[in-house]
C-alpha cells in the first residue's frame, strides 16, 4: 500500500469517537484510539471492521498538556481511506483524511502538535 503523506505524523494514542450513517440511515458510533496523527489525517485502531464511503463525524479528544490543564474536544469531518485487520493487535486499523474542522479545531490541533515537539 502506497502512503501519500504531506505532513509529519506523530505517534500519539488519543481517544476518538467516530459517527457515521449506515446505508439504512441509522446513525452509528464507535470508539477508537489514534495510532498516528497529522494535521490532515490519522490512522486509528477499532474493535470491529468499519469502512464507509460517505463522510464521517470525528470527535477527537486532545489530552491536557499540563496536569492542571484542560483537554480539548475538536470536531472534524473525515473520509475513511482504508481498513484492514492488524493481526499483531487483533484490531482493525482504519485511515482517515481530515476534510473540515469545526470552529478552532485545526488551530487547537496544530497548537497541541507544536507543544509536543522537542526544542532545538
PDB file of N, CA and C in Angstrom:
ATOM      1  N   UNK A   1       0.841  -1.165   0.000  1.00  0.00           N
ATOM      2  CA  UNK A   1       0.000   0.000   0.000  1.00  0.00           C
ATOM      3  C   UNK A   1       0.898   1.243   0.000  1.00  0.00           C
ATOM      4  N   UNK A   2       0.686   2.116  -0.956  1.00  0.00           N
ATOM      5  CA  UNK A   2       1.465   3.349  -1.064  1.00  0.00           C
ATOM      6  C   UNK A   2       0.901   4.382  -0.109  1.00  0.00           C
ATOM      7  N   UNK A   3       1.795   5.035   0.639  1.00  0.00           N
ATOM      8  CA  UNK A   3       1.363   6.071   1.551  1.00  0.00           C
ATOM      9  C   UNK A   3       1.589   7.436   0.915  1.00  0.00           C
ATOM     10  N   UNK A   4       0.593   8.293   1.023  1.00  0.00           N
ATOM     11  CA  UNK A   4       0.672   9.641   0.457  1.00  0.00           C
ATOM     12  C   UNK A   4       0.534  10.625   1.610  1.00  0.00           C
ATOM     13  N   UNK A   5       1.652  10.932   2.255  1.00  0.00           N
ATOM     14  CA  UNK A   5       1.612  11.790   3.426  1.00  0.00           C
ATOM     15  C   UNK A   5       2.271  13.117   3.138  1.00  0.00           C
ATOM     16  N   UNK A   6       1.519  14.191   3.386  1.00  0.00           N
ATOM     17  CA  UNK A   6       2.028  15.537   3.150  1.00  0.00           C
ATOM     18  C   UNK A   6       2.604  16.159   4.405  1.00  0.00           C
ATOM     19  N   UNK A   7       2.239  15.645   5.579  1.00  0.00           N
ATOM     20  CA  UNK A   7       2.648  16.239   6.840  1.00  0.00           C
ATOM     21  C   UNK A   7       3.226  15.174   7.767  1.00  0.00           C
ATOM     22  N   UNK A   8       4.083  15.633   8.668  1.00  0.00           N
ATOM     23  CA  UNK A   8       4.681  14.742   9.653  1.00  0.00           C
ATOM     24  C   UNK A   8       3.598  14.105  10.513  1.00  0.00           C
ATOM     25  N   UNK A   9       3.764  12.827  10.781  1.00  0.00           N
ATOM     26  CA  UNK A   9       2.840  12.109  11.650  1.00  0.00           C
ATOM     27  C   UNK A   9       3.484  11.941  13.013  1.00  0.00           C
ATOM     28  N   UNK A  10       2.680  12.093  14.050  1.00  0.00           N
ATOM     29  CA  UNK A  10       3.129  11.877  15.415  1.00  0.00           C
ATOM     30  C   UNK A  10       2.467  10.615  15.946  1.00  0.00           C
ATOM     31  N   UNK A  11       3.239   9.807  16.634  1.00  0.00           N
ATOM     32  CA  UNK A  11       2.723   8.572  17.215  1.00  0.00           C
ATOM     33  C   UNK A  11       2.061   8.906  18.554  1.00  0.00           C
ATOM     34  N   UNK A  12       0.779   9.202  18.509  1.00  0.00           N
ATOM     35  CA  UNK A  12       0.019   9.586  19.688  1.00  0.00           C
ATOM     36  C   UNK A  12      -1.212   8.703  19.802  1.00  0.00           C
ATOM     37  N   UNK A  13      -1.548   8.346  21.008  1.00  0.00           N
ATOM     38  CA  UNK A  13      -2.676   7.456  21.250  1.00  0.00           C
ATOM     39  C   UNK A  13      -3.771   8.234  21.977  1.00  0.00           C
ATOM     40  N   UNK A  14      -4.534   8.987  21.191  1.00  0.00           N
ATOM     41  CA  UNK A  14      -5.600   9.829  21.718  1.00  0.00           C
ATOM     42  C   UNK A  14      -6.949   9.180  21.462  1.00  0.00           C
ATOM     43  N   UNK A  15      -7.885   9.457  22.355  1.00  0.00           N
ATOM     44  CA  UNK A  15      -9.244   8.909  22.244  1.00  0.00           C
ATOM     45  C   UNK A  15     -10.014   9.641  21.142  1.00  0.00           C
ATOM     46  N   UNK A  16     -10.824   8.875  20.431  1.00  0.00           N
ATOM     47  CA  UNK A  16     -11.603   9.438  19.341  1.00  0.00           C
ATOM     48  C   UNK A  16     -12.927   8.681  19.246  1.00  0.00           C
ATOM     49  N   UNK A  17     -13.977   9.411  18.945  1.00  0.00           N
ATOM     50  CA  UNK A  17     -15.265   8.802  18.624  1.00  0.00           C
ATOM     51  C   UNK A  17     -15.577   9.125  17.174  1.00  0.00           C
ATOM     52  N   UNK A  18     -16.101   8.149  16.463  1.00  0.00           N
ATOM     53  CA  UNK A  18     -16.444   8.327  15.055  1.00  0.00           C
ATOM     54  C   UNK A  18     -17.928   8.004  14.885  1.00  0.00           C
ATOM     55  N   UNK A  19     -18.639   8.916  14.242  1.00  0.00           N
ATOM     56  CA  UNK A  19     -20.071   8.737  13.996  1.00  0.00           C
ATOM     57  C   UNK A  19     -20.285   8.682  12.490  1.00  0.00           C
ATOM     58  N   UNK A  20     -21.057   7.697  12.045  1.00  0.00           N
ATOM     59  CA  UNK A  20     -21.349   7.555  10.618  1.00  0.00           C
ATOM     60  C   UNK A  20     -22.774   7.079  10.442  1.00  0.00           C
ATOM     61  N   UNK A  21     -23.260   7.201   9.230  1.00  0.00           N
ATOM     62  CA  UNK A  21     -24.614   6.761   8.919  1.00  0.00           C
ATOM     63  C   UNK A  21     -24.556   5.482   8.095  1.00  0.00           C
ATOM     64  N   UNK A  22     -25.321   4.484   8.495  1.00  0.00           N
ATOM     65  CA  UNK A  22     -25.371   3.226   7.760  1.00  0.00           C
ATOM     66  C   UNK A  22     -26.172   3.422   6.477  1.00  0.00           C
ATOM     67  N   UNK A  23     -26.070   2.491   5.528  1.00  0.00           N
ATOM     68  CA  UNK A  23     -26.884   2.587   4.306  1.00  0.00           C
ATOM     69  C   UNK A  23     -28.392   2.616   4.593  1.00  0.00           C
ATOM     70  N   UNK A  24     -28.796   2.108   5.757  1.00  0.00           N
ATOM     71  CA  UNK A  24     -30.210   2.121   6.138  1.00  0.00           C
ATOM     72  C   UNK A  24     -30.609   3.446   6.793  1.00  0.00           C
ATOM     73  N   UNK A  25     -29.663   4.391   6.927  1.00  0.00           N
ATOM     74  CA  UNK A  25     -29.964   5.694   7.506  1.00  0.00           C
ATOM     75  C   UNK A  25     -29.866   5.760   9.014  1.00  0.00           C
ATOM     76  N   UNK A  26     -29.283   4.740   9.621  1.00  0.00           N
ATOM     77  CA  UNK A  26     -29.138   4.696  11.076  1.00  0.00           C
ATOM     78  C   UNK A  26     -27.787   5.284  11.464  1.00  0.00           C
ATOM     79  N   UNK A  27     -27.779   6.140  12.464  1.00  0.00           N
ATOM     80  CA  UNK A  27     -26.533   6.731  12.944  1.00  0.00           C
ATOM     81  C   UNK A  27     -25.845   5.757  13.907  1.00  0.00           C
ATOM     82  N   UNK A  28     -24.583   5.458  13.632  1.00  0.00           N
ATOM     83  CA  UNK A  28     -23.798   4.538  14.462  1.00  0.00           C
ATOM     84  C   UNK A  28     -22.576   5.277  14.985  1.00  0.00           C
ATOM     85  N   UNK A  29     -22.100   4.885  16.163  1.00  0.00           N
ATOM     86  CA  UNK A  29     -20.912   5.486  16.747  1.00  0.00           C
ATOM     87  C   UNK A  29     -19.988   4.389  17.237  1.00  0.00           C
ATOM     88  N   UNK A  30     -18.678   4.596  17.082  1.00  0.00           N
ATOM     89  CA  UNK A  30     -17.716   3.671  17.662  1.00  0.00           C
ATOM     90  C   UNK A  30     -16.550   4.443  18.251  1.00  0.00           C
ATOM     91  N   UNK A  31     -15.920   3.812  19.225  1.00  0.00           N
ATOM     92  CA  UNK A  31     -14.776   4.411  19.904  1.00  0.00           C
ATOM     93  C   UNK A  31     -13.503   3.904  19.247  1.00  0.00           C
ATOM     94  N   UNK A  32     -12.494   4.767  19.224  1.00  0.00           N
ATOM     95  CA  UNK A  32     -11.224   4.411  18.610  1.00  0.00           C
ATOM     96  C   UNK A  32     -10.090   5.063  19.380  1.00  0.00           C
ATOM     97  N   UNK A  33      -8.886   4.621  19.068  1.00  0.00           N
ATOM     98  CA  UNK A  33      -7.669   5.233  19.583  1.00  0.00           C
ATOM     99  C   UNK A  33      -6.777   5.531  18.397  1.00  0.00           C
ATOM    100  N   UNK A  34      -6.237   6.749  18.362  1.00  0.00           N
ATOM    101  CA  UNK A  34      -5.337   7.072  17.264  1.00  0.00           C
ATOM    102  C   UNK A  34      -4.053   6.266  17.402  1.00  0.00           C
ATOM    103  N   UNK A  35      -3.492   5.909  16.280  1.00  0.00           N
ATOM    104  CA  UNK A  35      -2.191   5.253  16.226  1.00  0.00           C
ATOM    105  C   UNK A  35      -1.133   6.286  15.860  1.00  0.00           C
ATOM    106  N   UNK A  36      -1.425   7.041  14.823  1.00  0.00           N
ATOM    107  CA  UNK A  36      -0.583   8.163  14.418  1.00  0.00           C
ATOM    108  C   UNK A  36      -1.512   9.240  13.876  1.00  0.00           C
ATOM    109  N   UNK A  37      -1.055  10.489  13.974  1.00  0.00           N
ATOM    110  CA  UNK A  37      -1.921  11.596  13.584  1.00  0.00           C
ATOM    111  C   UNK A  37      -1.085  12.739  13.014  1.00  0.00           C
ATOM    112  N   UNK A  38      -1.647  13.431  12.036  1.00  0.00           N
ATOM    113  CA  UNK A  38      -1.011  14.614  11.456  1.00  0.00           C
ATOM    114  C   UNK A  38      -2.064  15.711  11.337  1.00  0.00           C
ATOM    115  N   UNK A  39      -1.701  16.828  10.727  1.00  0.00           N
ATOM    116  CA  UNK A  39      -2.643  17.931  10.518  1.00  0.00           C
ATOM    117  C   UNK A  39      -3.773  17.544   9.575  1.00  0.00           C
ATOM    118  N   UNK A  40      -3.538  16.558   8.714  1.00  0.00           N
ATOM    119  CA  UNK A  40      -4.515  16.243   7.674  1.00  0.00           C
ATOM    120  C   UNK A  40      -5.135  14.857   7.760  1.00  0.00           C
ATOM    121  N   UNK A  41      -4.774  14.080   8.771  1.00  0.00           N
ATOM    122  CA  UNK A  41      -5.360  12.749   8.878  1.00  0.00           C
ATOM    123  C   UNK A  41      -4.756  11.939   9.998  1.00  0.00           C
ATOM    124  N   UNK A  42      -5.238  10.710  10.119  1.00  0.00           N
ATOM    125  CA  UNK A  42      -4.718   9.829  11.166  1.00  0.00           C
ATOM    126  C   UNK A  42      -5.028   8.379  10.815  1.00  0.00           C
ATOM    127  N   UNK A  43      -4.358   7.496  11.529  1.00  0.00           N
ATOM    128  CA  UNK A  43      -4.758   6.093  11.498  1.00  0.00           C
ATOM    129  C   UNK A  43      -5.259   5.765  12.897  1.00  0.00           C
ATOM    130  N   UNK A  44      -6.297   4.938  12.950  1.00  0.00           N
ATOM    131  CA  UNK A  44      -6.919   4.597  14.223  1.00  0.00           C
ATOM    132  C   UNK A  44      -7.039   3.082  14.341  1.00  0.00           C
ATOM    133  N   UNK A  45      -7.189   2.614  15.567  1.00  0.00           N
ATOM    134  CA  UNK A  45      -7.484   1.215  15.834  1.00  0.00           C
ATOM    135  C   UNK A  45      -8.881   1.107  16.404  1.00  0.00           C
ATOM    136  N   UNK A  46      -9.643   0.148  15.872  1.00  0.00           N
ATOM    137  CA  UNK A  46     -11.015  -0.096  16.315  1.00  0.00           C
ATOM    138  C   UNK A  46     -11.225  -1.592  16.499  1.00  0.00           C
ATOM    139  N   UNK A  47     -12.270  -1.944  17.243  1.00  0.00           N
ATOM    140  CA  UNK A  47     -12.547  -3.345  17.555  1.00  0.00           C
ATOM    141  C   UNK A  47     -13.223  -4.109  16.423  1.00  0.00           C
ATOM    142  N   UNK A  48     -13.973  -3.398  15.580  1.00  0.00           N
ATOM    143  CA  UNK A  48     -14.686  -4.082  14.501  1.00  0.00           C
ATOM    144  C   UNK A  48     -14.383  -3.415  13.174  1.00  0.00           C
ATOM    145  N   UNK A  49     -14.517  -4.175  12.101  1.00  0.00           N
ATOM    146  CA  UNK A  49     -14.211  -3.637  10.779  1.00  0.00           C
ATOM    147  C   UNK A  49     -15.315  -2.693  10.324  1.00  0.00           C
ATOM    148  N   UNK A  50     -14.913  -1.441  10.063  1.00  0.00           N
ATOM    149  CA  UNK A  50     -15.861  -0.437   9.590  1.00  0.00           C
ATOM    150  C   UNK A  50     -15.180   0.349   8.485  1.00  0.00           C
ATOM    151  N   UNK A  51     -15.814   0.423   7.345  1.00  0.00           N
ATOM    152  CA  UNK A  51     -15.296   1.230   6.242  1.00  0.00           C
ATOM    153  C   UNK A  51     -16.493   1.748   5.465  1.00  0.00           C
ATOM    154  N   UNK A  52     -16.708   3.061   5.516  1.00  0.00           N
ATOM    155  CA  UNK A  52     -17.841   3.664   4.826  1.00  0.00           C
ATOM    156  C   UNK A  52     -17.328   4.678   3.812  1.00  0.00           C
ATOM    157  N   UNK A  53     -18.097   4.875   2.748  1.00  0.00           N
ATOM    158  CA  UNK A  53     -17.688   5.792   1.687  1.00  0.00           C
ATOM    159  C   UNK A  53     -18.089   7.235   1.965  1.00  0.00           C
ATOM    160  N   UNK A  54     -19.146   7.444   2.716  1.00  0.00           N
ATOM    161  CA  UNK A  54     -19.601   8.814   2.981  1.00  0.00           C
ATOM    162  C   UNK A  54     -18.776   9.436   4.109  1.00  0.00           C
ATOM    163  N   UNK A  55     -18.757  10.760   4.207  1.00  0.00           N
ATOM    164  CA  UNK A  55     -18.004  11.417   5.283  1.00  0.00           C
ATOM    165  C   UNK A  55     -18.491  10.976   6.657  1.00  0.00           C
ATOM    166  N   UNK A  56     -17.577  10.963   7.606  1.00  0.00           N
ATOM    167  CA  UNK A  56     -17.878  10.610   8.989  1.00  0.00           C
ATOM    168  C   UNK A  56     -17.589  11.808   9.883  1.00  0.00           C
ATOM    169  N   UNK A  57     -18.257  11.863  11.021  1.00  0.00           N
ATOM    170  CA  UNK A  57     -18.015  12.906  12.022  1.00  0.00           C
ATOM    171  C   UNK A  57     -17.065  12.348  13.072  1.00  0.00           C
ATOM    172  N   UNK A  58     -15.997  13.080  13.329  1.00  0.00           N
ATOM    173  CA  UNK A  58     -14.980  12.652  14.279  1.00  0.00           C
ATOM    174  C   UNK A  58     -14.959  13.611  15.454  1.00  0.00           C
ATOM    175  N   UNK A  59     -14.931  13.053  16.662  1.00  0.00           N
ATOM    176  CA  UNK A  59     -14.729  13.847  17.870  1.00  0.00           C
ATOM    177  C   UNK A  59     -13.420  13.370  18.486  1.00  0.00           C
ATOM    178  N   UNK A  60     -12.406  14.220  18.385  1.00  0.00           N
ATOM    179  CA  UNK A  60     -11.061  13.890  18.852  1.00  0.00           C
ATOM    180  C   UNK A  60     -10.804  14.595  20.172  1.00  0.00           C
ATOM    181  N   UNK A  61     -10.372  13.854  21.177  1.00  0.00           N
ATOM    182  CA  UNK A  61     -10.043  14.423  22.471  1.00  0.00           C
ATOM    183  C   UNK A  61      -8.538  14.637  22.551  1.00  0.00           C
ATOM    184  N   UNK A  62      -8.145  15.921  22.633  1.00  0.00           N
ATOM    185  CA  UNK A  62      -6.735  16.259  22.834  1.00  0.00           C
ATOM    186  C   UNK A  62      -6.528  16.339  24.340  1.00  0.00           C
ATOM    187  N   UNK A  63      -5.674  15.483  24.895  1.00  0.00           N
ATOM    188  CA  UNK A  63      -5.492  15.489  26.346  1.00  0.00           C
ATOM    189  C   UNK A  63      -4.870  16.796  26.832  1.00  0.00           C
ATOM    190  N   UNK A  64      -5.024  17.096  28.137  1.00  0.00           N
ATOM    191  CA  UNK A  64      -4.400  18.305  28.677  1.00  0.00           C
ATOM    192  C   UNK A  64      -2.886  18.237  28.512  1.00  0.00           C
ATOM    193  N   UNK A  65      -2.282  19.387  28.244  1.00  0.00           N
ATOM    194  CA  UNK A  65      -0.838  19.441  28.034  1.00  0.00           C
ATOM    195  C   UNK A  65      -0.080  19.579  29.348  1.00  0.00           C
ATOM    196  N   UNK A  66      -0.778  19.947  30.413  1.00  0.00           N
ATOM    197  CA  UNK A  66      -0.183  20.030  31.750  1.00  0.00           C
ATOM    198  C   UNK A  66      -1.142  19.361  32.731  1.00  0.00           C
ATOM    199  N   UNK A  67      -0.642  18.927  33.899  1.00  0.00           N
ATOM    200  CA  UNK A  67      -1.532  18.250  34.856  1.00  0.00           C
ATOM    201  C   UNK A  67      -2.726  19.099  35.283  1.00  0.00           C
ATOM    202  N   UNK A  68      -2.541  20.412  35.380  1.00  0.00           N
ATOM    203  CA  UNK A  68      -3.645  21.267  35.801  1.00  0.00           C
ATOM    204  C   UNK A  68      -4.466  21.791  34.624  1.00  0.00           C
ATOM    205  N   UNK A  69      -4.055  21.480  33.414  1.00  0.00           N
ATOM    206  CA  UNK A  69      -4.738  21.983  32.225  1.00  0.00           C
ATOM    207  C   UNK A  69      -5.990  21.198  31.889  1.00  0.00           C
ATOM    208  N   UNK A  70      -6.691  21.701  30.907  1.00  0.00           N
ATOM    209  CA  UNK A  70      -7.896  21.033  30.421  1.00  0.00           C
ATOM    210  C   UNK A  70      -7.651  20.511  29.013  1.00  0.00           C
ATOM    211  N   UNK A  71      -8.264  19.395  28.705  1.00  0.00           N
ATOM    212  CA  UNK A  71      -8.174  18.859  27.363  1.00  0.00           C
ATOM    213  C   UNK A  71      -9.122  19.600  26.435  1.00  0.00           C
ATOM    214  N   UNK A  72      -9.011  19.312  25.166  1.00  0.00           N
ATOM    215  CA  UNK A  72      -9.888  19.931  24.166  1.00  0.00           C
ATOM    216  C   UNK A  72     -10.571  18.855  23.350  1.00  0.00           C
ATOM    217  N   UNK A  73     -11.839  19.060  23.070  1.00  0.00           N
ATOM    218  CA  UNK A  73     -12.592  18.184  22.184  1.00  0.00           C
ATOM    219  C   UNK A  73     -12.778  18.936  20.880  1.00  0.00           C
ATOM    220  N   UNK A  74     -12.264  18.366  19.797  1.00  0.00           N
ATOM    221  CA  UNK A  74     -12.442  19.017  18.499  1.00  0.00           C
ATOM    222  C   UNK A  74     -13.267  18.107  17.596  1.00  0.00           C
ATOM    223  N   UNK A  75     -14.020  18.753  16.715  1.00  0.00           N
ATOM    224  CA  UNK A  75     -14.880  18.016  15.790  1.00  0.00           C
ATOM    225  C   UNK A  75     -14.364  18.192  14.374  1.00  0.00           C
ATOM    226  N   UNK A  76     -14.314  17.082  13.653  1.00  0.00           N
ATOM    227  CA  UNK A  76     -13.730  17.054  12.313  1.00  0.00           C
ATOM    228  C   UNK A  76     -14.626  16.200  11.414  1.00  0.00           C
ATOM    229  N   UNK A  77     -14.793  16.628  10.184  1.00  0.00           N
ATOM    230  CA  UNK A  77     -15.401  15.776   9.164  1.00  0.00           C
ATOM    231  C   UNK A  77     -14.253  15.073   8.453  1.00  0.00           C
ATOM    232  N   UNK A  78     -14.372  13.765   8.268  1.00  0.00           N
ATOM    233  CA  UNK A  78     -13.276  12.982   7.687  1.00  0.00           C
ATOM    234  C   UNK A  78     -13.809  11.964   6.692  1.00  0.00           C
ATOM    235  N   UNK A  79     -12.899  11.480   5.856  1.00  0.00           N
ATOM    236  CA  UNK A  79     -13.188  10.389   4.924  1.00  0.00           C
ATOM    237  C   UNK A  79     -12.338   9.187   5.285  1.00  0.00           C
ATOM    238  N   UNK A  80     -12.948   8.002   5.266  1.00  0.00           N
ATOM    239  CA  UNK A  80     -12.204   6.767   5.507  1.00  0.00           C
ATOM    240  C   UNK A  80     -11.518   6.364   4.216  1.00  0.00           C
ATOM    241  N   UNK A  81     -10.229   6.044   4.307  1.00  0.00           N
ATOM    242  CA  UNK A  81      -9.452   5.705   3.121  1.00  0.00           C
ATOM    243  C   UNK A  81      -9.079   4.229   3.025  1.00  0.00           C
ATOM    244  N   UNK A  82      -8.913   3.576   4.156  1.00  0.00           N
ATOM    245  CA  UNK A  82      -8.582   2.148   4.133  1.00  0.00           C
ATOM    246  C   UNK A  82      -8.971   1.524   5.463  1.00  0.00           C
ATOM    247  N   UNK A  83      -9.063   0.223   5.470  1.00  0.00           N
ATOM    248  CA  UNK A  83      -9.334  -0.527   6.690  1.00  0.00           C
ATOM    249  C   UNK A  83      -8.853  -1.942   6.520  1.00  0.00           C
ATOM    250  N   UNK A  84      -8.120  -2.447   7.491  1.00  0.00           N
ATOM    251  CA  UNK A  84      -7.629  -3.830   7.433  1.00  0.00           C
ATOM    252  C   UNK A  84      -7.356  -4.343   8.836  1.00  0.00           C
ATOM    253  N   UNK A  85      -7.297  -5.665   8.964  1.00  0.00           N
ATOM    254  CA  UNK A  85      -7.026  -6.301  10.247  1.00  0.00           C
ATOM    255  C   UNK A  85      -5.537  -6.235  10.543  1.00  0.00           C
ATOM    256  N   UNK A  86      -5.201  -5.716  11.706  1.00  0.00           N
ATOM    257  CA  UNK A  86      -3.814  -5.709  12.189  1.00  0.00           C
ATOM    258  C   UNK A  86      -3.672  -6.918  13.107  1.00  0.00           C
ATOM    259  N   UNK A  87      -3.099  -7.968  12.587  1.00  0.00           N
ATOM    260  CA  UNK A  87      -3.036  -9.227  13.336  1.00  0.00           C
ATOM    261  C   UNK A  87      -2.228  -9.110  14.625  1.00  0.00           C
ATOM    262  N   UNK A  88      -1.214  -8.264  14.645  1.00  0.00           N
ATOM    263  CA  UNK A  88      -0.391  -8.104  15.839  1.00  0.00           C
ATOM    264  C   UNK A  88      -1.210  -7.567  17.014  1.00  0.00           C
ATOM    265  N   UNK A  89      -2.209  -6.738  16.738  1.00  0.00           N
ATOM    266  CA  UNK A  89      -3.036  -6.138  17.800  1.00  0.00           C
ATOM    267  C   UNK A  89      -4.417  -6.769  17.900  1.00  0.00           C
ATOM    268  N   UNK A  90      -4.780  -7.585  16.918  1.00  0.00           N
ATOM    269  CA  UNK A  90      -6.117  -8.162  16.833  1.00  0.00           C
ATOM    270  C   UNK A  90      -7.193  -7.065  16.852  1.00  0.00           C
ATOM    271  N   UNK A  91      -6.885  -5.992  16.136  1.00  0.00           N
ATOM    272  CA  UNK A  91      -7.819  -4.890  15.949  1.00  0.00           C
ATOM    273  C   UNK A  91      -7.742  -4.460  14.490  1.00  0.00           C
ATOM    274  N   UNK A  92      -8.727  -3.675  14.084  1.00  0.00           N
ATOM    275  CA  UNK A  92      -8.721  -3.152  12.722  1.00  0.00           C
ATOM    276  C   UNK A  92      -8.085  -1.767  12.720  1.00  0.00           C
ATOM    277  N   UNK A  93      -7.289  -1.533  11.703  1.00  0.00           N
ATOM    278  CA  UNK A  93      -6.656  -0.234  11.513  1.00  0.00           C
ATOM    279  C   UNK A  93      -7.381   0.468  10.371  1.00  0.00           C
ATOM    280  N   UNK A  94      -7.781   1.713  10.606  1.00  0.00           N
ATOM    281  CA  UNK A  94      -8.542   2.493   9.638  1.00  0.00           C
ATOM    282  C   UNK A  94      -7.820   3.814   9.404  1.00  0.00           C
ATOM    283  N   UNK A  95      -7.731   4.229   8.140  1.00  0.00           N
ATOM    284  CA  UNK A  95      -7.113   5.503   7.801  1.00  0.00           C
ATOM    285  C   UNK A  95      -8.169   6.560   7.553  1.00  0.00           C
ATOM    286  N   UNK A  96      -7.982   7.737   8.140  1.00  0.00           N
ATOM    287  CA  UNK A  96      -8.907   8.851   7.983  1.00  0.00           C
ATOM    288  C   UNK A  96      -8.189  10.057   7.397  1.00  0.00           C
ATOM    289  N   UNK A  97      -8.813  10.709   6.433  1.00  0.00           N
ATOM    290  CA  UNK A  97      -8.352  12.005   5.908  1.00  0.00           C
ATOM    291  C   UNK A  97      -9.273  13.072   6.480  1.00  0.00           C
ATOM    292  N   UNK A  98      -8.683  14.088   7.118  1.00  0.00           N
ATOM    293  CA  UNK A  98      -9.486  15.186   7.645  1.00  0.00           C
ATOM    294  C   UNK A  98      -9.900  16.097   6.505  1.00  0.00           C
ATOM    295  N   UNK A  99     -11.192  16.396   6.422  1.00  0.00           N
ATOM    296  CA  UNK A  99     -11.738  17.216   5.347  1.00  0.00           C
ATOM    297  C   UNK A  99     -12.071  18.621   5.843  1.00  0.00           C
ATOM    298  N   UNK A 100     -12.701  18.709   7.018  1.00  0.00           N
ATOM    299  CA  UNK A 100     -13.151  20.010   7.525  1.00  0.00           C
ATOM    300  C   UNK A 100     -13.163  19.994   9.051  1.00  0.00           C
ATOM    301  N   UNK A 101     -12.604  21.058   9.646  1.00  0.00           N
ATOM    302  CA  UNK A 101     -12.607  21.218  11.093  1.00  0.00           C
ATOM    303  C   UNK A 101     -13.742  22.163  11.482  1.00  0.00           C
ATOM    304  N   UNK A 102     -14.343  21.928  12.636  1.00  0.00           N
ATOM    305  CA  UNK A 102     -15.365  22.808  13.172  1.00  0.00           C
ATOM    306  C   UNK A 102     -14.704  23.823  14.103  1.00  0.00           C
ATOM    307  N   UNK A 103     -15.088  25.083  13.991  1.00  0.00           N
ATOM    308  CA  UNK A 103     -14.581  26.122  14.885  1.00  0.00           C
ATOM    309  C   UNK A 103     -13.065  26.245  14.848  1.00  0.00           C
ATOM    310  N   UNK A 104     -12.455  26.274  16.034  1.00  0.00           N
ATOM    311  CA  UNK A 104     -11.000  26.425  16.178  1.00  0.00           C
ATOM    312  C   UNK A 104     -10.270  25.085  16.190  1.00  0.00           C
ATOM    313  N   UNK A 105     -10.902  24.031  15.740  1.00  0.00           N
ATOM    314  CA  UNK A 105     -10.324  22.696  15.824  1.00  0.00           C
ATOM    315  C   UNK A 105      -8.954  22.564  15.199  1.00  0.00           C
ATOM    316  N   UNK A 106      -8.782  23.099  14.008  1.00  0.00           N
ATOM    317  CA  UNK A 106      -7.488  22.970  13.334  1.00  0.00           C
ATOM    318  C   UNK A 106      -6.400  23.705  14.102  1.00  0.00           C
ATOM    319  N   UNK A 107      -6.700  24.892  14.591  1.00  0.00           N
ATOM    320  CA  UNK A 107      -5.725  25.655  15.367  1.00  0.00           C
ATOM    321  C   UNK A 107      -5.359  24.915  16.658  1.00  0.00           C
ATOM    322  N   UNK A 108      -6.348  24.359  17.350  1.00  0.00           N
ATOM    323  CA  UNK A 108      -6.093  23.614  18.587  1.00  0.00           C
ATOM    324  C   UNK A 108      -5.215  22.398  18.329  1.00  0.00           C
ATOM    325  N   UNK A 109      -5.473  21.703  17.233  1.00  0.00           N
ATOM    326  CA  UNK A 109      -4.660  20.541  16.891  1.00  0.00           C
ATOM    327  C   UNK A 109      -3.220  20.953  16.597  1.00  0.00           C
ATOM    328  N   UNK A 110      -3.042  22.005  15.817  1.00  0.00           N
ATOM    329  CA  UNK A 110      -1.699  22.481  15.487  1.00  0.00           C
ATOM    330  C   UNK A 110      -0.960  22.972  16.734  1.00  0.00           C
ATOM    331  N   UNK A 111      -1.653  23.627  17.654  1.00  0.00           N
ATOM    332  CA  UNK A 111      -1.019  24.069  18.898  1.00  0.00           C
ATOM    333  C   UNK A 111      -0.589  22.875  19.742  1.00  0.00           C
ATOM    334  N   UNK A 112      -1.409  21.848  19.779  1.00  0.00           N
ATOM    335  CA  UNK A 112      -1.044  20.634  20.532  1.00  0.00           C
ATOM    336  C   UNK A 112       0.210  20.010  19.932  1.00  0.00           C
ATOM    337  N   UNK A 113       0.273  19.921  18.600  1.00  0.00           N
ATOM    338  CA  UNK A 113       1.457  19.354  17.954  1.00  0.00           C
ATOM    339  C   UNK A 113       2.688  20.178  18.280  1.00  0.00           C
ATOM    340  N   UNK A 114       2.576  21.509  18.194  1.00  0.00           N
ATOM    341  CA  UNK A 114       3.729  22.394  18.436  1.00  0.00           C
ATOM    342  C   UNK A 114       4.239  22.221  19.870  1.00  0.00           C
ATOM    343  N   UNK A 115       3.343  22.016  20.816  1.00  0.00           N
ATOM    344  CA  UNK A 115       3.769  21.881  22.204  1.00  0.00           C
ATOM    345  C   UNK A 115       4.427  20.530  22.481  1.00  0.00           C
ATOM    346  N   UNK A 116       4.191  19.544  21.641  1.00  0.00           N
ATOM    347  CA  UNK A 116       4.769  18.221  21.844  1.00  0.00           C
ATOM    348  C   UNK A 116       6.127  18.032  21.201  1.00  0.00           C
ATOM    349  N   UNK A 117       6.501  18.896  20.293  1.00  0.00           N
ATOM    350  CA  UNK A 117       7.778  18.765  19.599  1.00  0.00           C
ATOM    351  C   UNK A 117       8.916  19.210  20.507  1.00  0.00           C
ATOM    352  N   UNK A 118      10.027  18.503  20.504  1.00  0.00           N
ATOM    353  CA  UNK A 118      11.162  18.911  21.335  1.00  0.00           C
ATOM    354  C   UNK A 118      11.786  20.205  20.822  1.00  0.00           C
ATOM    355  N   UNK A 119      12.397  20.950  21.713  1.00  0.00           N
ATOM    356  CA  UNK A 119      13.093  22.173  21.327  1.00  0.00           C
ATOM    357  C   UNK A 119      14.364  21.833  20.583  1.00  0.00           C
ATOM    358  N   UNK A 120      14.797  22.775  19.741  1.00  0.00           N
ATOM    359  CA  UNK A 120      16.083  22.590  19.093  1.00  0.00           C
ATOM    360  C   UNK A 120      16.077  22.411  17.687  1.00  0.00           C
TER     361      UNK A 120
END
